[in-house]
Protein backbone atom coordinates (compact mmCIF):
# COMPACT_ATOMS: atom_id res chain seq x y z
CA UNK A 1 121.96 94.26 91.25
CA UNK A 2 118.49 93.79 92.81
CA UNK A 3 116.94 90.34 92.45
CA UNK A 4 114.06 89.96 90.11
CA UNK A 5 110.85 90.26 92.08
CA UNK A 6 108.22 87.51 91.95
CA UNK A 7 105.51 89.84 90.59
CA UNK A 8 107.77 90.62 87.62
CA UNK A 9 108.44 87.09 86.49
CA UNK A 10 107.02 85.85 83.28
CA UNK A 11 103.91 83.66 83.62
CA UNK A 12 104.32 83.65 87.41
CA UNK A 13 101.16 83.34 89.42
CA UNK A 14 101.46 85.77 92.25
CA UNK A 15 99.35 84.76 95.22
CA UNK A 16 97.04 87.42 96.48
CA UNK A 17 98.17 88.43 99.96
CA UNK A 18 95.68 88.19 102.78
CA UNK A 19 93.46 91.26 103.14
CA UNK A 20 94.23 93.70 105.88
CA UNK A 21 91.74 94.37 108.63
CA UNK A 22 89.98 97.63 107.62
CA UNK A 23 90.03 99.21 111.03
CA UNK A 24 93.65 98.25 111.65
CA UNK A 25 94.60 99.61 108.25
CA UNK A 26 92.89 102.92 108.70
CA UNK A 27 94.27 103.35 112.20
CA UNK A 28 97.88 102.57 111.05
CA UNK A 29 97.55 104.85 107.97
CA UNK A 30 96.36 107.70 110.20
CA UNK A 31 99.31 107.17 112.53
CA UNK A 32 101.75 107.14 109.63
CA UNK A 33 100.17 110.24 108.10
CA UNK A 34 100.66 112.06 111.39
CA UNK A 35 104.31 111.12 111.29
CA UNK A 36 104.52 112.44 107.72
CA UNK A 37 103.23 115.75 109.00
CA UNK A 38 106.08 115.68 111.64
CA UNK A 39 108.61 114.85 108.88
CA UNK A 40 107.42 117.75 106.75
CA UNK A 41 107.73 120.16 109.65
CA UNK A 42 111.33 118.94 110.14
CA UNK A 43 111.99 119.45 106.41
CA UNK A 44 110.69 123.01 106.56
CA UNK A 45 112.47 123.94 109.77
CA UNK A 46 115.87 122.42 108.79
CA UNK A 47 115.76 123.38 105.11
CA UNK A 48 116.10 119.77 104.05
CA UNK A 49 115.37 118.73 100.44
CA UNK A 50 113.53 115.51 99.79
CA UNK A 51 112.90 113.86 96.43
CA UNK A 52 110.75 110.79 95.95
CA UNK A 53 110.85 108.94 92.61
CA UNK A 54 107.69 106.81 92.14
CA UNK A 55 107.91 104.36 89.28
CA UNK A 56 106.45 101.03 88.28
CA UNK A 57 103.93 99.29 86.12
CA UNK A 58 100.79 101.00 84.91
CA UNK A 59 98.04 100.61 87.48
CA UNK A 60 100.56 99.45 90.04
CA UNK A 61 99.22 101.87 92.72
CA UNK A 62 101.67 104.70 92.50
CA UNK A 63 98.98 107.32 92.33
CA UNK A 64 97.01 106.10 95.32
CA UNK A 65 100.18 105.82 97.42
CA UNK A 66 101.15 109.42 96.51
CA UNK A 67 97.65 110.54 97.42
CA UNK A 68 97.94 108.99 100.88
CA UNK A 69 101.39 110.46 101.40
CA UNK A 70 100.30 114.01 100.47
CA UNK A 71 96.75 113.89 101.95
CA UNK A 72 97.57 115.93 105.06
CA UNK A 73 100.79 117.65 104.00
CA UNK A 74 101.02 121.36 103.38
CA UNK A 75 101.04 121.81 99.56
CA UNK A 76 103.15 124.98 99.90
CA UNK A 77 106.15 122.77 100.75
CA UNK A 78 105.16 119.44 99.12
CA UNK A 79 104.76 119.22 95.32
CA UNK A 80 103.79 116.37 93.04
CA UNK A 81 105.41 116.58 89.70
CA UNK A 82 103.84 114.64 86.80
CA UNK A 83 105.34 116.14 83.65
CA UNK A 84 103.60 115.62 80.27
CA UNK A 85 105.44 114.52 77.15
CA UNK A 86 108.28 116.95 76.30
CA UNK A 87 107.48 119.79 73.90
CA UNK A 88 109.62 120.69 70.91
CA UNK A 89 111.88 123.01 72.94
CA UNK A 90 112.34 120.44 75.70
CA UNK A 91 113.26 117.73 73.18
CA UNK A 92 116.24 119.94 72.22
CA UNK A 93 117.43 120.17 75.83
CA UNK A 94 119.74 117.93 77.81
CA UNK A 95 117.41 115.11 78.83
CA UNK A 96 117.58 115.78 82.58
CA UNK A 97 117.17 119.52 82.20
CA UNK A 98 113.41 119.82 82.66
CA UNK A 99 113.52 117.59 85.77
CA UNK A 100 116.24 119.72 87.28
CA UNK A 101 113.84 122.66 87.08
CA UNK A 102 111.46 120.70 89.35
CA UNK A 103 113.91 119.81 92.08
CA UNK A 104 113.12 121.10 95.56
CA UNK A 105 114.45 124.21 97.15
CA UNK A 106 115.34 124.32 100.86
CA UNK A 107 112.39 123.06 103.00
CA UNK A 108 110.58 121.28 100.21
CA UNK A 109 109.46 117.75 99.34
CA UNK A 110 109.05 116.90 95.68
CA UNK A 111 107.36 113.66 94.56
CA UNK A 112 107.93 112.64 90.97
CA UNK A 113 104.89 110.69 89.71
CA UNK A 114 107.00 109.21 86.88
CA UNK A 115 110.43 110.76 86.51
CA UNK A 116 113.52 110.79 84.41
CA UNK A 117 113.15 107.03 84.28
CA UNK A 118 110.54 107.49 81.51
CA UNK A 119 113.54 107.12 79.19
CA UNK A 120 114.35 103.69 80.51
CA UNK A 121 110.71 102.55 80.42
CA UNK A 122 108.01 103.87 78.11
CA UNK A 123 110.51 105.71 75.80
CA UNK A 124 112.63 102.65 75.43
CA UNK A 125 109.74 100.17 74.84
CA UNK A 126 107.67 102.51 72.60
CA UNK A 127 110.63 103.65 70.55
CA UNK A 128 110.33 107.26 71.56
CA UNK A 129 114.13 107.51 71.95
CA UNK A 130 117.11 106.17 70.05
CA UNK A 131 119.34 103.37 71.30
CA UNK A 132 122.10 105.94 71.61
CA UNK A 133 119.90 108.22 73.78
CA UNK A 134 118.87 105.25 75.86
CA UNK A 135 122.43 104.04 76.46
CA UNK A 136 123.50 107.61 77.33
CA UNK A 137 120.73 107.75 79.92
CA UNK A 138 121.75 104.53 81.61
CA UNK A 139 125.25 105.88 81.83
CA UNK A 140 124.33 109.37 83.08
CA UNK A 141 121.55 108.54 85.54
CA UNK A 142 123.74 107.18 88.32
CA UNK A 143 126.03 110.19 87.99
CA UNK A 144 123.08 112.62 87.97
CA UNK A 145 121.71 111.04 91.15
CA UNK A 146 125.11 110.99 92.81
CA UNK A 147 125.32 114.71 92.21
CA UNK A 148 121.91 115.27 93.81
CA UNK A 149 122.83 113.19 96.89
CA UNK A 150 126.26 114.83 97.23
CA UNK A 151 124.56 118.21 97.18
CA UNK A 152 122.45 117.13 100.21
CA UNK A 153 119.22 116.04 98.56
CA UNK A 154 117.52 113.05 100.26
CA UNK A 155 116.59 110.76 97.33
CA UNK A 156 114.31 107.70 97.57
CA UNK A 157 113.39 105.62 94.57
CA UNK A 158 110.44 103.29 94.74
CA UNK A 159 109.36 100.71 92.17
CA UNK A 160 105.74 99.50 92.50
CA UNK A 161 105.53 95.85 91.41
CA UNK A 162 102.33 94.19 90.27
CA UNK A 163 101.54 91.00 88.40
CA UNK A 164 100.12 90.86 84.90
CA UNK A 165 96.86 89.34 86.18
CA UNK A 166 96.33 92.00 88.79
CA UNK A 167 97.22 94.81 86.36
CA UNK A 168 94.63 93.48 83.84
CA UNK A 169 92.02 93.26 86.60
CA UNK A 170 92.64 96.89 87.53
CA UNK A 171 92.45 97.96 83.87
CA UNK A 172 89.08 96.20 83.49
CA UNK A 173 87.77 97.88 86.68
CA UNK A 174 88.66 101.27 85.19
CA UNK A 175 86.79 100.42 81.95
CA UNK A 176 83.74 99.64 84.03
CA UNK A 177 84.08 102.81 86.13
CA UNK A 178 83.03 106.09 84.39
CA UNK A 179 84.78 108.05 87.10
CA UNK A 180 88.14 106.40 86.35
CA UNK A 181 88.14 105.70 82.62
CA UNK A 182 90.24 108.79 82.11
CA UNK A 183 93.08 106.84 83.81
CA UNK A 184 93.31 104.45 80.82
CA UNK A 185 95.64 106.11 78.30
CA UNK A 186 96.61 104.60 74.97
CA UNK A 187 99.98 103.85 76.54
CA UNK A 188 98.28 101.90 79.31
CA UNK A 189 96.37 99.76 76.80
CA UNK A 190 99.50 99.20 74.75
CA UNK A 191 101.35 97.96 77.85
CA UNK A 192 99.02 94.93 78.05
CA UNK A 193 100.61 93.37 74.98
CA UNK A 194 104.11 94.61 75.86
CA UNK A 195 104.47 93.03 79.24
CA UNK A 196 107.68 91.16 78.39
CA UNK A 197 109.17 94.24 76.77
CA UNK A 198 108.58 96.26 79.87
CA UNK A 199 109.94 93.47 82.01
CA UNK A 200 113.19 93.42 80.02
CA UNK A 201 113.44 97.22 80.14
CA UNK A 202 112.91 97.20 83.93
CA UNK A 203 115.49 94.49 84.51
CA UNK A 204 118.12 96.34 82.38
CA UNK A 205 117.28 99.63 84.13
CA UNK A 206 117.90 98.00 87.48
CA UNK A 207 121.25 96.61 86.42
CA UNK A 208 122.53 100.11 85.69
CA UNK A 209 120.71 102.27 88.19
CA UNK A 210 120.19 100.12 91.31
CA UNK A 211 123.36 101.39 93.01
CA UNK A 212 124.52 101.28 96.60
CA UNK A 213 124.37 105.08 96.76
CA UNK A 214 120.93 105.35 95.12
CA UNK A 215 119.19 101.97 95.37
CA UNK A 216 115.74 101.01 94.15
CA UNK A 217 113.25 99.93 96.79
CA UNK A 218 110.65 97.52 95.42
CA UNK A 219 107.08 97.83 96.79
CA UNK A 220 104.93 94.73 96.27
CA UNK A 221 101.58 96.14 95.19
CA UNK A 222 99.22 93.21 94.68
CA UNK A 223 97.30 94.72 97.60
CA UNK A 224 97.25 98.54 97.38
CA UNK A 225 96.46 99.06 101.03
CA UNK A 226 99.39 96.90 102.06
CA UNK A 227 101.73 98.78 99.61
CA UNK A 228 100.66 102.14 101.01
CA UNK A 229 101.50 101.14 104.56
CA UNK A 230 104.79 99.63 103.52
CA UNK A 231 106.05 102.53 101.37
CA UNK A 232 105.12 105.22 103.92
CA UNK A 233 106.71 103.15 106.75
CA UNK A 234 109.89 102.68 104.77
CA UNK A 235 110.06 106.43 103.88
CA UNK A 236 109.65 107.41 107.52
CA UNK A 237 112.25 104.91 108.66
CA UNK A 238 114.86 105.92 106.17
CA UNK A 239 114.55 109.74 106.23
CA UNK A 240 116.67 110.92 109.19
CA UNK A 241 114.12 113.34 110.57
CA UNK A 242 113.49 114.22 114.17
CA UNK A 243 110.04 115.24 115.45
CA UNK A 244 110.02 118.87 116.52
CA UNK A 245 107.64 120.64 118.87
CA UNK A 246 104.37 121.05 116.98
CA UNK A 247 103.18 124.57 116.24
CA UNK A 248 99.93 125.00 118.04
CA UNK A 249 98.39 128.35 117.29
CA UNK A 250 96.66 130.24 120.04
CA UNK A 251 93.30 131.63 119.02
CA UNK A 252 92.69 135.20 120.08
CA UNK A 253 89.65 136.07 122.08
CA UNK A 254 86.95 137.56 119.91
CA UNK A 255 86.54 141.21 120.79
CA UNK A 256 83.23 143.00 120.75
CA UNK A 257 82.34 144.96 117.60
CA UNK A 258 80.11 147.87 117.16
CA UNK A 259 76.90 147.04 115.35
CA UNK A 260 77.31 147.83 111.71
CA UNK A 261 74.76 148.07 108.91
CA UNK A 262 74.94 145.03 106.62
CA UNK A 263 73.05 144.41 103.36
CA UNK A 264 70.11 142.06 103.70
CA UNK A 265 70.58 138.45 102.68
CA UNK A 266 68.11 138.91 99.91
CA UNK A 267 70.56 141.11 98.01
CA UNK A 268 72.95 138.24 97.43
CA UNK A 269 72.83 135.34 94.99
CA UNK A 270 73.09 132.09 96.94
CA UNK A 271 73.57 128.75 95.23
CA UNK A 272 70.36 126.62 95.48
CA UNK A 273 70.20 124.35 98.55
CA UNK A 274 69.87 121.11 96.62
CA UNK A 275 71.45 119.37 99.60
CA UNK A 276 68.20 119.87 101.45
CA UNK A 277 66.76 116.84 99.80
CA UNK A 278 69.34 114.74 101.65
CA UNK A 279 68.16 115.90 105.05
CA UNK A 280 67.10 113.15 107.50
CA UNK A 281 63.36 112.83 107.92
CA UNK A 282 62.28 113.60 111.46
């Protein structure tokens, strides 16, 4: 069983880690993202299948970490899966069934932004599943993951840990930001008063699903920039990829073309050049 992390302890004051140097952070992130491109090329060329499970507290930084991971990857072979609440038909299925439909084919990376662990988290805390369904999940999840791994899928599970104080600060910043208010769902607001309930659910989930074959990797996320560097570094270190020769396309020489008649520019509808007002004054 994984030890309880400091940022998850009740009433624990988690010290804010020192800020990273901005230039050093950006340089290291760019280097790691270049390695992610190499890893993706290896996945495509070898037919590997990679699954990342990203879980954790609301506002713990999962979304921004996923964004940095996928920023330069080819979306044709890297998908982010963020499933909505199950519909009526899906509620009548085996719980894992709709997640199985999203698993990668050969040469694909799939990142679950929330995963089958919804059952052990929000569904458990908010009463969206029965105790029997919850217990069945805790029993079946390790077996389900063992089957994925035995079939050759590379599975990594990350838990983003954040303190209650930092979570609340991030919630408040979203309230004040009209561009990010949409990120505050009713479930997010409810989690403020259910911190202890979520802590208990997380601890019990780890007892049953933090296995030697499919362990949880905890990402301390009091500082989002630090957590991004750490999670990408860990991913690259634990996926057994080998850099392959990069594909560098050779651009053809432009050949001459016969002059052809083209419609005049005045015949087309162009969007107004409102950007002109931003031009530098000479």
